[in-house]
C-alpha atoms as a PDB file:
ATOM      1  CA  UNK A   1       7.013  15.051   8.122  1.00  0.00           C
ATOM      2  CA  UNK A   2      10.715  13.933   8.729  1.00  0.00           C
ATOM      3  CA  UNK A   3      11.690  10.384   7.937  1.00  0.00           C
ATOM      4  CA  UNK A   4      14.336   8.281   9.792  1.00  0.00           C
ATOM      5  CA  UNK A   5      15.788   5.020   8.460  1.00  0.00           C
ATOM      6  CA  UNK A   6      18.308   4.231  11.219  1.00  0.00           C
ATOM      7  CA  UNK A   7      18.770   4.515  14.922  1.00  0.00           C
ATOM      8  CA  UNK A   8      21.896   6.561  14.234  1.00  0.00           C
ATOM      9  CA  UNK A   9      19.712   9.315  12.509  1.00  0.00           C
ATOM     10  CA  UNK A  10      17.388   9.581  15.454  1.00  0.00           C
ATOM     11  CA  UNK A  11      18.182  12.783  17.275  1.00  0.00           C
ATOM     12  CA  UNK A  12      14.725  13.966  18.384  1.00  0.00           C
ATOM     13  CA  UNK A  13      14.240  15.543  21.827  1.00  0.00           C
ATOM     14  CA  UNK A  14      10.530  16.263  21.593  1.00  0.00           C
ATOM     15  CA  UNK A  15       8.041  14.496  23.639  1.00  0.00           C
ATOM     16  CA  UNK A  16       7.101  11.570  21.455  1.00  0.00           C
ATOM     17  CA  UNK A  17       3.713   9.843  21.228  1.00  0.00           C
ATOM     18  CA  UNK A  18       4.066   6.790  19.009  1.00  0.00           C
ATOM     19  CA  UNK A  19       2.431   3.838  17.554  1.00  0.00           C
ATOM     20  CA  UNK A  20       3.948   0.888  15.512  1.00  0.00           C
ATOM     21  CA  UNK A  21       3.279  -1.977  13.166  1.00  0.00           C
ATOM     22  CA  UNK A  22       3.638  -2.858   9.537  1.00  0.00           C
ATOM     23  CA  UNK A  23       0.734  -0.652   8.296  1.00  0.00           C
ATOM     24  CA  UNK A  24       0.386  -2.364   4.856  1.00  0.00           C
ATOM     25  CA  UNK A  25      -2.088  -0.464   2.913  1.00  0.00           C
ATOM     26  CA  UNK A  26      -2.803   2.211   5.543  1.00  0.00           C
ATOM     27  CA  UNK A  27      -6.407   1.353   5.221  1.00  0.00           C
ATOM     28  CA  UNK A  28      -9.402   3.075   6.946  1.00  0.00           C
ATOM     29  CA  UNK A  29      -8.605   1.263  10.317  1.00  0.00           C
ATOM     30  CA  UNK A  30      -4.975   2.463  10.231  1.00  0.00           C
ATOM     31  CA  UNK A  31      -6.098   6.005   9.459  1.00  0.00           C
ATOM     32  CA  UNK A  32      -8.464   5.798  12.432  1.00  0.00           C
ATOM     33  CA  UNK A  33      -5.369   4.811  14.567  1.00  0.00           C
ATOM     34  CA  UNK A  34      -3.185   7.677  13.220  1.00  0.00           C
ATOM     35  CA  UNK A  35      -5.957  10.201  13.570  1.00  0.00           C
ATOM     36  CA  UNK A  36      -6.072   9.211  17.316  1.00  0.00           C
ATOM     37  CA  UNK A  37      -2.167   9.505  17.417  1.00  0.00           C
ATOM     38  CA  UNK A  38      -2.167  12.977  16.095  1.00  0.00           C
ATOM     39  CA  UNK A  39      -4.956  14.021  18.552  1.00  0.00           C
ATOM     40  CA  UNK A  40      -3.252  12.555  21.465  1.00  0.00           C
ATOM     41  CA  UNK A  41       0.143  14.122  20.525  1.00  0.00           C
ATOM     42  CA  UNK A  42      -1.616  17.482  20.060  1.00  0.00           C
ATOM     43  CA  UNK A  43      -3.335  17.180  23.519  1.00  0.00           C
ATOM     44  CA  UNK A  44      -0.033  16.343  25.265  1.00  0.00           C
ATOM     45  CA  UNK A  45       1.934  18.963  23.517  1.00  0.00           C
ATOM     46  CA  UNK A  46       3.962  16.400  21.893  1.00  0.00           C
ATOM     47  CA  UNK A  47       5.018  15.053  18.372  1.00  0.00           C
ATOM     48  CA  UNK A  48       3.545  12.163  16.621  1.00  0.00           C
ATOM     49  CA  UNK A  49       5.768   9.247  15.667  1.00  0.00           C
ATOM     50  CA  UNK A  50       4.729   6.309  13.314  1.00  0.00           C
ATOM     51  CA  UNK A  51       7.139   3.433  13.617  1.00  0.00           C
ATOM     52  CA  UNK A  52       6.776   1.101  10.571  1.00  0.00           C
ATOM     53  CA  UNK A  53       8.621  -2.203  10.457  1.00  0.00           C
ATOM     54  CA  UNK A  54      10.682  -2.546   7.344  1.00  0.00           C
ATOM     55  CA  UNK A  55      11.247  -4.973   5.730  1.00  0.00           C
ATOM     56  CA  UNK A  56       7.986  -6.821   6.663  1.00  0.00           C
ATOM     57  CA  UNK A  57       8.751  -9.403   9.452  1.00  0.00           C
ATOM     58  CA  UNK A  58       7.556 -12.192   7.306  1.00  0.00           C
ATOM     59  CA  UNK A  59      10.294 -11.423   4.827  1.00  0.00           C
ATOM     60  CA  UNK A  60      13.045 -11.273   7.433  1.00  0.00           C
ATOM     61  CA  UNK A  61      11.851 -14.620   9.051  1.00  0.00           C
ATOM     62  CA  UNK A  62      11.709 -16.445   5.782  1.00  0.00           C
ATOM     63  CA  UNK A  63       7.820 -16.711   6.173  1.00  0.00           C
ATOM     64  CA  UNK A  64       7.129 -14.734   3.053  1.00  0.00           C
ATOM     65  CA  UNK A  65       5.927 -17.499   0.784  1.00  0.00           C
ATOM     66  CA  UNK A  66       3.053 -16.054  -1.253  1.00  0.00           C
ATOM     67  CA  UNK A  67       3.323 -12.755   0.675  1.00  0.00           C
ATOM     68  CA  UNK A  68       2.019  -9.809  -1.412  1.00  0.00           C
ATOM     69  CA  UNK A  69       1.806  -6.307   0.003  1.00  0.00           C
ATOM     70  CA  UNK A  70      -0.768  -3.706  -0.847  1.00  0.00           C
ATOM     71  CA  UNK A  71       1.865  -0.928  -1.031  1.00  0.00           C
ATOM     72  CA  UNK A  72       5.546  -0.621  -1.973  1.00  0.00           C
ATOM     73  CA  UNK A  73       7.674   1.254   0.508  1.00  0.00           C
ATOM     74  CA  UNK A  74       7.474   4.409  -1.769  1.00  0.00           C
ATOM     75  CA  UNK A  75       3.783   4.434  -1.951  1.00  0.00           C
ATOM     76  CA  UNK A  76       3.437   3.910   1.744  1.00  0.00           C
ATOM     77  CA  UNK A  77       5.630   6.870   2.427  1.00  0.00           C
ATOM     78  CA  UNK A  78       3.877   9.159  -0.004  1.00  0.00           C
ATOM     79  CA  UNK A  79       0.484   8.348   1.620  1.00  0.00           C
ATOM     80  CA  UNK A  80       1.837   8.908   5.098  1.00  0.00           C
ATOM     81  CA  UNK A  81       2.957  12.377   4.056  1.00  0.00           C
ATOM     82  CA  UNK A  82      -0.635  13.326   3.618  1.00  0.00           C
ATOM     83  CA  UNK A  83      -1.587  12.303   7.207  1.00  0.00           C
ATOM     84  CA  UNK A  84       0.062  15.123   9.210  1.00  0.00           C
ATOM     85  CA  UNK A  85       2.335  12.732  11.157  1.00  0.00           C
ATOM     86  CA  UNK A  86       5.348  14.571  12.554  1.00  0.00           C
ATOM     87  CA  UNK A  87       7.919  11.609  12.316  1.00  0.00           C
ATOM     88  CA  UNK A  88       8.101   8.430  10.358  1.00  0.00           C
ATOM     89  CA  UNK A  89      10.581   5.875  11.653  1.00  0.00           C
ATOM     90  CA  UNK A  90      11.307   3.005   9.303  1.00  0.00           C
ATOM     91  CA  UNK A  91      12.522   0.687  11.912  1.00  0.00           C
ATOM     92  CA  UNK A  92      15.055  -1.637  10.277  1.00  0.00           C
ATOM     93  CA  UNK A  93      13.758  -5.073  11.242  1.00  0.00           C
ATOM     94  CA  UNK A  94      16.251  -7.752  11.222  1.00  0.00           C
ATOM     95  CA  UNK A  95      16.727 -11.142  12.962  1.00  0.00           C
ATOM     96  CA  UNK A  96      18.562  -9.599  15.878  1.00  0.00           C
ATOM     97  CA  UNK A  97      15.506  -7.385  16.572  1.00  0.00           C
ATOM     98  CA  UNK A  98      13.264 -10.339  15.930  1.00  0.00           C
ATOM     99  CA  UNK A  99      15.030 -12.350  18.662  1.00  0.00           C
ATOM    100  CA  UNK A 100      14.330  -9.633  21.294  1.00  0.00           C
ATOM    101  CA  UNK A 101      11.869 -10.395  23.950  1.00  0.00           C
ATOM    102  CA  UNK A 102       9.055  -8.026  24.407  1.00  0.00           C
ATOM    103  CA  UNK A 103      10.714  -6.417  27.434  1.00  0.00           C
ATOM    104  CA  UNK A 104      13.963  -6.210  25.610  1.00  0.00           C
ATOM    105  CA  UNK A 105      12.270  -4.475  22.765  1.00  0.00           C
ATOM    106  CA  UNK A 106      10.426  -2.146  24.794  1.00  0.00           C
ATOM    107  CA  UNK A 107      13.211  -1.304  27.202  1.00  0.00           C
ATOM    108  CA  UNK A 108      16.152  -1.030  24.594  1.00  0.00           C
ATOM    109  CA  UNK A 109      14.393   0.258  21.598  1.00  0.00           C
ATOM    110  CA  UNK A 110      11.037   2.050  21.974  1.00  0.00           C
ATOM    111  CA  UNK A 111      11.425   3.351  25.444  1.00  0.00           C
ATOM    112  CA  UNK A 112      15.205   3.432  25.274  1.00  0.00           C
ATOM    113  CA  UNK A 113      16.711   4.580  22.029  1.00  0.00           C
ATOM    114  CA  UNK A 114      13.671   6.302  20.816  1.00  0.00           C
ATOM    115  CA  UNK A 115      12.730   7.587  24.233  1.00  0.00           C
ATOM    116  CA  UNK A 116       9.024   7.342  23.532  1.00  0.00           C
ATOM    117  CA  UNK A 117       6.874   9.038  26.168  1.00  0.00           C
ATOM    118  CA  UNK A 118       3.412   7.613  25.304  1.00  0.00           C
ATOM    119  CA  UNK A 119       2.892   4.375  23.234  1.00  0.00           C
ATOM    120  CA  UNK A 120      -0.339   3.582  21.519  1.00  0.00           C
ATOM    121  CA  UNK A 121      -1.080  -0.111  20.961  1.00  0.00           C
ATOM    122  CA  UNK A 122      -3.557  -1.675  18.616  1.00  0.00           C
ATOM    123  CA  UNK A 123      -6.279  -3.633  20.492  1.00  0.00           C
ATOM    124  CA  UNK A 124      -4.830  -7.006  19.188  1.00  0.00           C
ATOM    125  CA  UNK A 125      -1.184  -6.047  18.645  1.00  0.00           C
ATOM    126  CA  UNK A 126       1.718  -8.190  20.130  1.00  0.00           C
ATOM    127  CA  UNK A 127       5.389  -7.633  19.992  1.00  0.00           C
ATOM    128  CA  UNK A 128       8.542  -9.283  20.907  1.00  0.00           C
ATOM    129  CA  UNK A 129       9.903 -12.759  20.140  1.00  0.00           C
ATOM    130  CA  UNK A 130       7.134 -15.271  19.292  1.00  0.00           C
ATOM    131  CA  UNK A 131       4.621 -12.290  19.778  1.00  0.00           C
ATOM    132  CA  UNK A 132       4.813 -12.822  23.552  1.00  0.00           C
ATOM    133  CA  UNK A 133       4.240  -9.119  24.354  1.00  0.00           C
ATOM    134  CA  UNK A 134       0.266  -8.633  24.738  1.00  0.00           C
ATOM    135  CA  UNK A 135      -1.199  -5.321  26.026  1.00  0.00           C
ATOM    136  CA  UNK A 136      -1.088  -6.418  29.644  1.00  0.00           C
ATOM    137  CA  UNK A 137       2.627  -7.081  29.520  1.00  0.00           C
ATOM    138  CA  UNK A 138       3.391  -3.896  27.493  1.00  0.00           C
ATOM    139  CA  UNK A 139       1.400  -1.843  30.034  1.00  0.00           C
ATOM    140  CA  UNK A 140       3.252  -3.287  33.001  1.00  0.00           C
ATOM    141  CA  UNK A 141       6.665  -2.771  31.440  1.00  0.00           C
ATOM    142  CA  UNK A 142       5.653   0.972  30.533  1.00  0.00           C
ATOM    143  CA  UNK A 143       4.349   1.485  34.090  1.00  0.00           C
ATOM    144  CA  UNK A 144       7.775   0.256  35.534  1.00  0.00           C
ATOM    145  CA  UNK A 145       9.645   2.684  33.269  1.00  0.00           C
ATOM    146  CA  UNK A 146       7.118   5.458  34.062  1.00  0.00           C
ATOM    147  CA  UNK A 147       5.837   5.484  30.440  1.00  0.00           C
ATOM    148  CA  UNK A 148       2.350   5.859  29.260  1.00  0.00           C
ATOM    149  CA  UNK A 149       0.821   3.032  27.376  1.00  0.00           C
ATOM    150  CA  UNK A 150      -2.803   3.043  25.993  1.00  0.00           C
ATOM    151  CA  UNK A 151      -4.714   0.365  24.124  1.00  0.00           C
ATOM    152  CA  UNK A 152      -6.570   1.702  21.041  1.00  0.00           C
ATOM    153  CA  UNK A 153     -10.216   0.726  20.312  1.00  0.00           C
ATOM    154  CA  UNK A 154     -11.088  -1.751  17.529  1.00  0.00           C
ATOM    155  CA  UNK A 155     -12.251   0.011  14.442  1.00  0.00           C
ATOM    156  CA  UNK A 156     -15.173  -1.045  12.327  1.00  0.00           C
ATOM    157  CA  UNK A 157     -16.553   0.089   9.029  1.00  0.00           C
ATOM    158  CA  UNK A 158     -20.228  -0.219   8.538  1.00  0.00           C
ATOM    159  CA  UNK A 159     -20.120  -3.073  11.204  1.00  0.00           C
ATOM    160  CA  UNK A 160     -17.334  -4.831   9.377  1.00  0.00           C
ATOM    161  CA  UNK A 161     -13.777  -5.446  10.700  1.00  0.00           C
ATOM    162  CA  UNK A 162     -11.110  -4.157   8.394  1.00  0.00           C
ATOM    163  CA  UNK A 163      -7.597  -5.780   7.883  1.00  0.00           C
ATOM    164  CA  UNK A 164      -4.892  -5.776   5.399  1.00  0.00           C
ATOM    165  CA  UNK A 165      -5.451  -9.552   4.827  1.00  0.00           C
ATOM    166  CA  UNK A 166      -9.011  -8.864   3.760  1.00  0.00           C
ATOM    167  CA  UNK A 167      -8.138  -6.116   1.347  1.00  0.00           C
ATOM    168  CA  UNK A 168      -5.483  -8.186  -0.207  1.00  0.00           C
ATOM    169  CA  UNK A 169      -7.901 -11.003  -0.867  1.00  0.00           C
ATOM    170  CA  UNK A 170     -10.340  -8.479  -2.425  1.00  0.00           C
ATOM    171  CA  UNK A 171      -7.589  -7.233  -4.742  1.00  0.00           C
ATOM    172  CA  UNK A 172      -6.582 -10.720  -5.706  1.00  0.00           C
ATOM    173  CA  UNK A 173     -10.212 -11.343  -6.687  1.00  0.00           C
ATOM    174  CA  UNK A 174     -10.398  -8.188  -8.700  1.00  0.00           C
ATOM    175  CA  UNK A 175     -12.935  -6.615  -6.367  1.00  0.00           C
ATOM    176  CA  UNK A 176     -11.359  -3.283  -6.689  1.00  0.00           C
ATOM    177  CA  UNK A 177     -14.465  -1.335  -5.749  1.00  0.00           C
ATOM    178  CA  UNK A 178     -14.790  -2.842  -2.270  1.00  0.00           C
ATOM    179  CA  UNK A 179     -10.937  -2.833  -1.768  1.00  0.00           C
ATOM    180  CA  UNK A 180     -11.063   1.033  -2.573  1.00  0.00           C
ATOM    181  CA  UNK A 181     -13.986   1.385  -0.010  1.00  0.00           C
ATOM    182  CA  UNK A 182     -11.997  -0.153   2.763  1.00  0.00           C
ATOM    183  CA  UNK A 183      -8.629   1.590   1.711  1.00  0.00           C
ATOM    184  CA  UNK A 184     -10.516   5.005   1.745  1.00  0.00           C
ATOM    185  CA  UNK A 185      -8.893   5.831  -1.601  1.00  0.00           C
ATOM    186  CA  UNK A 186      -7.884   4.024  -4.938  1.00  0.00           C
ATOM    187  CA  UNK A 187      -5.564   0.930  -5.008  1.00  0.00           C
ATOM    188  CA  UNK A 188      -2.484   2.138  -6.875  1.00  0.00           C
ATOM    189  CA  UNK A 189       0.308   0.402  -9.046  1.00  0.00           C
ATOM    190  CA  UNK A 190       3.310   2.533  -9.774  1.00  0.00           C
ATOM    191  CA  UNK A 191       6.234   1.676 -12.083  1.00  0.00           C
ATOM    192  CA  UNK A 192       8.461   2.743 -14.980  1.00  0.00           C
ATOM    193  CA  UNK A 193       7.237   2.563 -18.502  1.00  0.00           C
ATOM    194  CA  UNK A 194       9.375   0.235 -20.529  1.00  0.00           C
ATOM    195  CA  UNK A 195       9.370  -0.826 -24.152  1.00  0.00           C
ATOM    196  CA  UNK A 196       6.993  -3.604 -25.051  1.00  0.00           C
ATOM    197  CA  UNK A 197       6.434  -5.383 -28.361  1.00  0.00           C
ATOM    198  CA  UNK A 198       4.181  -2.519 -29.735  1.00  0.00           C
ATOM    199  CA  UNK A 199       1.375  -4.977 -30.405  1.00  0.00           C
ATOM    200  CA  UNK A 200      -1.050  -2.405 -29.031  1.00  0.00           C
ATOM    201  CA  UNK A 201       0.152   0.079 -31.362  1.00  0.00           C
ATOM    202  CA  UNK A 202      -0.282  -2.151 -34.337  1.00  0.00           C
ATOM    203  CA  UNK A 203      -3.919  -2.915 -33.076  1.00  0.00           C
ATOM    204  CA  UNK A 204      -4.534   0.913 -33.096  1.00  0.00           C
ATOM    205  CA  UNK A 205      -4.683   1.106 -29.283  1.00  0.00           C
ATOM    206  CA  UNK A 206      -1.014   1.896 -28.080  1.00  0.00           C
ATOM    207  CA  UNK A 207      -0.297   1.099 -24.537  1.00  0.00           C
ATOM    208  CA  UNK A 208       2.363   1.968 -21.959  1.00  0.00           C
ATOM    209  CA  UNK A 209       3.932  -1.254 -20.466  1.00  0.00           C
ATOM    210  CA  UNK A 210       4.792  -0.913 -16.813  1.00  0.00           C
ATOM    211  CA  UNK A 211       7.626  -2.573 -14.952  1.00  0.00           C
ATOM    212  CA  UNK A 212       7.177  -3.170 -11.268  1.00  0.00           C
ATOM    213  CA  UNK A 213      10.420  -3.275  -9.395  1.00  0.00           C
ATOM    214  CA  UNK A 214       9.012  -4.770  -6.067  1.00  0.00           C
ATOM    215  CA  UNK A 215       8.372  -8.635  -6.169  1.00  0.00           C
ATOM    216  CA  UNK A 216       6.089  -8.363  -3.168  1.00  0.00           C
ATOM    217  CA  UNK A 217       3.766  -5.900  -4.644  1.00  0.00           C
ATOM    218  CA  UNK A 218       0.221  -7.292  -4.987  1.00  0.00           C
ATOM    219  CA  UNK A 219      -1.554  -7.210  -8.437  1.00  0.00           C
ATOM    220  CA  UNK A 220      -5.200  -7.519  -9.091  1.00  0.00           C
ATOM    221  CA  UNK A 221      -6.682 -10.411 -10.721  1.00  0.00           C
ATOM    222  CA  UNK A 222      -6.071 -10.716 -14.435  1.00  0.00           C
ATOM    223  CA  UNK A 223      -8.398  -8.725 -16.520  1.00  0.00           C
ATOM    224  CA  UNK A 224      -9.289  -5.265 -17.717  1.00  0.00           C
ATOM    225  CA  UNK A 225      -9.735  -2.122 -15.458  1.00  0.00           C
ATOM    226  CA  UNK A 226     -10.895   1.457 -15.658  1.00  0.00           C
ATOM    227  CA  UNK A 227      -8.090   3.659 -14.236  1.00  0.00           C
ATOM    228  CA  UNK A 228      -6.692   7.167 -13.792  1.00  0.00           C
ATOM    229  CA  UNK A 229      -3.037   7.545 -14.875  1.00  0.00           C
ATOM    230  CA  UNK A 230      -0.935   9.998 -13.078  1.00  0.00           C
ATOM    231  CA  UNK A 231       2.063  11.304 -15.135  1.00  0.00           C
ATOM    232  CA  UNK A 232       4.221  14.332 -14.057  1.00  0.00           C
ATOM    233  CA  UNK A 233       1.469  15.304 -11.514  1.00  0.00           C
ATOM    234  CA  UNK A 234      -1.078  15.328 -14.448  1.00  0.00           C
ATOM    235  CA  UNK A 235      -4.255  13.094 -14.420  1.00  0.00           C
ATOM    236  CA  UNK A 236      -5.287  11.137 -17.410  1.00  0.00           C
ATOM    237  CA  UNK A 237      -7.718   8.406 -17.993  1.00  0.00           C
ATOM    238  CA  UNK A 238      -7.096   4.879 -19.161  1.00  0.00           C
ATOM    239  CA  UNK A 239      -7.867   1.176 -19.613  1.00  0.00           C
ATOM    240  CA  UNK A 240      -5.524  -1.120 -17.664  1.00  0.00           C
ATOM    241  CA  UNK A 241      -4.961  -4.738 -18.853  1.00  0.00           C
ATOM    242  CA  UNK A 242      -3.253  -7.122 -16.468  1.00  0.00           C
ATOM    243  CA  UNK A 243      -2.404 -10.661 -17.596  1.00  0.00           C
ATOM    244  CA  UNK A 244      -0.766 -12.889 -20.264  1.00  0.00           C
ATOM    245  CA  UNK A 245      -2.673 -11.729 -23.291  1.00  0.00           C
ATOM    246  CA  UNK A 246      -3.941 -15.341 -24.206  1.00  0.00           C
ATOM    247  CA  UNK A 247      -5.025 -14.228 -27.871  1.00  0.00           C
ATOM    248  CA  UNK A 248      -1.372 -14.064 -28.585  1.00  0.00           C
ATOM    249  CA  UNK A 249      -0.218 -17.079 -26.623  1.00  0.00           C
ATOM    250  CA  UNK A 250       2.187 -15.015 -24.533  1.00  0.00           C
ATOM    251  CA  UNK A 251       2.918 -16.532 -21.142  1.00  0.00           C
ATOM    252  CA  UNK A 252       4.695 -13.483 -19.642  1.00  0.00           C
ATOM    253  CA  UNK A 253       2.516 -11.552 -17.277  1.00  0.00           C
ATOM    254  CA  UNK A 254       2.271  -7.915 -18.162  1.00  0.00           C
ATOM    255  CA  UNK A 255       0.685  -4.616 -16.921  1.00  0.00           C
ATOM    256  CA  UNK A 256      -0.185  -2.287 -19.775  1.00  0.00           C
ATOM    257  CA  UNK A 257      -2.472   0.756 -19.883  1.00  0.00           C
ATOM    258  CA  UNK A 258      -4.048   2.379 -22.933  1.00  0.00           C
ATOM    259  CA  UNK A 259      -4.059   6.092 -22.140  1.00  0.00           C
ATOM    260  CA  UNK A 260      -7.173   7.858 -23.464  1.00  0.00           C
ATOM    261  CA  UNK A 261      -6.618  10.911 -25.658  1.00  0.00           C
ATOM    262  CA  UNK A 262      -2.811  10.736 -25.097  1.00  0.00           C
ATOM    263  CA  UNK A 263      -0.030  10.526 -27.604  1.00  0.00           C
ATOM    264  CA  UNK A 264       3.139  11.428 -25.797  1.00  0.00           C
ATOM    265  CA  UNK A 265       6.435   9.617 -25.352  1.00  0.00           C
ATOM    266  CA  UNK A 266       6.602   8.463 -21.820  1.00  0.00           C
ATOM    267  CA  UNK A 267       9.322   5.725 -22.000  1.00  0.00           C
ATOM    268  CA  UNK A 268      11.315   5.594 -18.756  1.00  0.00           C
ATOM    269  CA  UNK A 269       9.032   7.811 -16.998  1.00  0.00           C
ATOM    270  CA  UNK A 270       7.382   6.717 -13.637  1.00  0.00           C
ATOM    271  CA  UNK A 271       3.619   6.609 -13.821  1.00  0.00           C
ATOM    272  CA  UNK A 272       0.887   5.613 -11.278  1.00  0.00           C
ATOM    273  CA  UNK A 273      -2.318   3.837 -11.986  1.00  0.00           C
ATOM    274  CA  UNK A 274      -5.292   4.351  -9.878  1.00  0.00           C
ATOM    275  CA  UNK A 275      -7.693   1.409 -10.163  1.00  0.00           C
ATOM    276  CA  UNK A 276     -11.433   2.093 -10.109  1.00  0.00           C
ATOM    277  CA  UNK A 277     -13.455  -0.549 -11.789  1.00  0.00           C
ATOM    278  CA  UNK A 278     -13.175  -4.239 -13.054  1.00  0.00           C
ATOM    279  CA  UNK A 279     -14.423  -4.265 -16.545  1.00  0.00           C
ATOM    280  CA  UNK A 280     -14.046  -7.852 -17.614  1.00  0.00           C
ATOM    281  CA  UNK A 281     -11.899 -10.980 -17.156  1.00  0.00           C
ATOM    282  CA  UNK A 282      -9.171 -11.931 -19.442  1.00  0.00           C
ATOM    283  CA  UNK A 283     -10.271 -13.817 -22.711  1.00  0.00           C
ATOM    284  CA  UNK A 284      -8.728 -15.451 -25.662  1.00  0.00           C
ATOM    285  CA  UNK A 285     -10.251 -14.090 -28.910  1.00  0.00           C
ATOM    286  CA  UNK A 286     -10.582 -16.117 -32.087  1.00  0.00           C
ATOM    287  CA  UNK A 287      -9.720 -13.209 -34.443  1.00  0.00           C
ATOM    288  CA  UNK A 288      -7.863  -9.891 -34.201  1.00  0.00           C
ATOM    289  CA  UNK A 289     -10.952  -7.893 -35.219  1.00  0.00           C
ATOM    290  CA  UNK A 290     -12.841  -9.480 -32.506  1.00  0.00           C
ATOM    291  CA  UNK A 291     -10.143  -8.353 -29.988  1.00  0.00           C
ATOM    292  CA  UNK A 292     -10.125  -4.921 -31.430  1.00  0.00           C
ATOM    293  CA  UNK A 293     -13.963  -4.660 -31.181  1.00  0.00           C
ATOM    294  CA  UNK A 294     -13.827  -5.723 -27.551  1.00  0.00           C
ATOM    295  CA  UNK A 295     -11.120  -3.138 -26.719  1.00  0.00           C
ATOM    296  CA  UNK A 296     -13.342  -0.453 -28.309  1.00  0.00           C
ATOM    297  CA  UNK A 297     -16.175  -1.546 -25.994  1.00  0.00           C
ATOM    298  CA  UNK A 298     -13.784  -1.578 -22.846  1.00  0.00           C
ATOM    299  CA  UNK A 299     -12.792   2.036 -23.691  1.00  0.00           C
ATOM    300  CA  UNK A 300     -16.499   2.989 -23.885  1.00  0.00           C
ATOM    301  CA  UNK A 301     -17.080   1.326 -20.583  1.00  0.00           C
ATOM    302  CA  UNK A 302     -14.131   3.419 -19.103  1.00  0.00           C
ATOM    303  CA  UNK A 303     -15.321   6.656 -20.551  1.00  0.00           C
ATOM    304  CA  UNK A 304     -18.860   6.097 -19.194  1.00  0.00           C
ATOM    305  CA  UNK A 305     -17.473   5.302 -15.641  1.00  0.00           C
ATOM    306  CA  UNK A 306     -15.543   8.498 -15.621  1.00  0.00           C
ATOM    307  CA  UNK A 307     -18.288  10.519 -17.186  1.00  0.00           C
ATOM    308  CA  UNK A 308     -16.158  11.301 -20.375  1.00  0.00           C
ATOM    309  CA  UNK A 309     -17.514  11.851 -23.619  1.00  0.00           C
ATOM    310  CA  UNK A 310     -17.841   8.538 -25.616  1.00  0.00           C
ATOM    311  CA  UNK A 311     -16.369   8.797 -29.088  1.00  0.00           C
END
């Protein structure tokens, strides 16, 4: 997959079949769209193009209060690379583009600069200033420019509509199992391992503290989770804790993971946590021994979930 981040980089002369949107999470509904995109591109002897608006329009338009995204840009790109898309264009969304009418956006950018031959539009997608461009308008503009415009079918999973908003709410509730089901894969958090206060090591359960560089990255509800840990392309297992560690009266929110059967130095390494199961909510313990006993139980729960030997 070739990635473009500016109009100046775009130099493709292929027949382009494209779709566009923010695609936060790339959930099962998005994957359904992209499968159609690839199939149509193949049938038309063309190349598939995914246009992803970046930054998110709500950020550009100062409507980002409480906005949290399922994926960072790096996580999004990494997953798109697994979907057999030919080209990814990270459309540099700004206020100038936000002010374009639907006709200007289609004529000047999609059918103009990018020279798209066929545009696939989500069943409820709208574009242009004030979201004025519905499918009927987009179709008529495409027809005038001798371009193909198709409306994609609505996707349902087990009779349920899927949206990024629904999945975000599930993650915020800690309902990781259902969120993963709608995503079609585990929810992940990636970040750099930084030095903490080493309290876990003192307790006998050393943890890797993870710094998340993207302030818009959504985080699950505070609590303890079973997870897989990806380090240098190797898979390990762990127990992740998100929260403020109330037993120690620490107000700072932290993400830390105790990696099972692991003792290597991974400071400054970028690692990825795949979340699988919510074990329990955050709790304040009266005594350190009580906390240590609970951590041992959390580890047993994670080991059982992953069918590992319980020690």
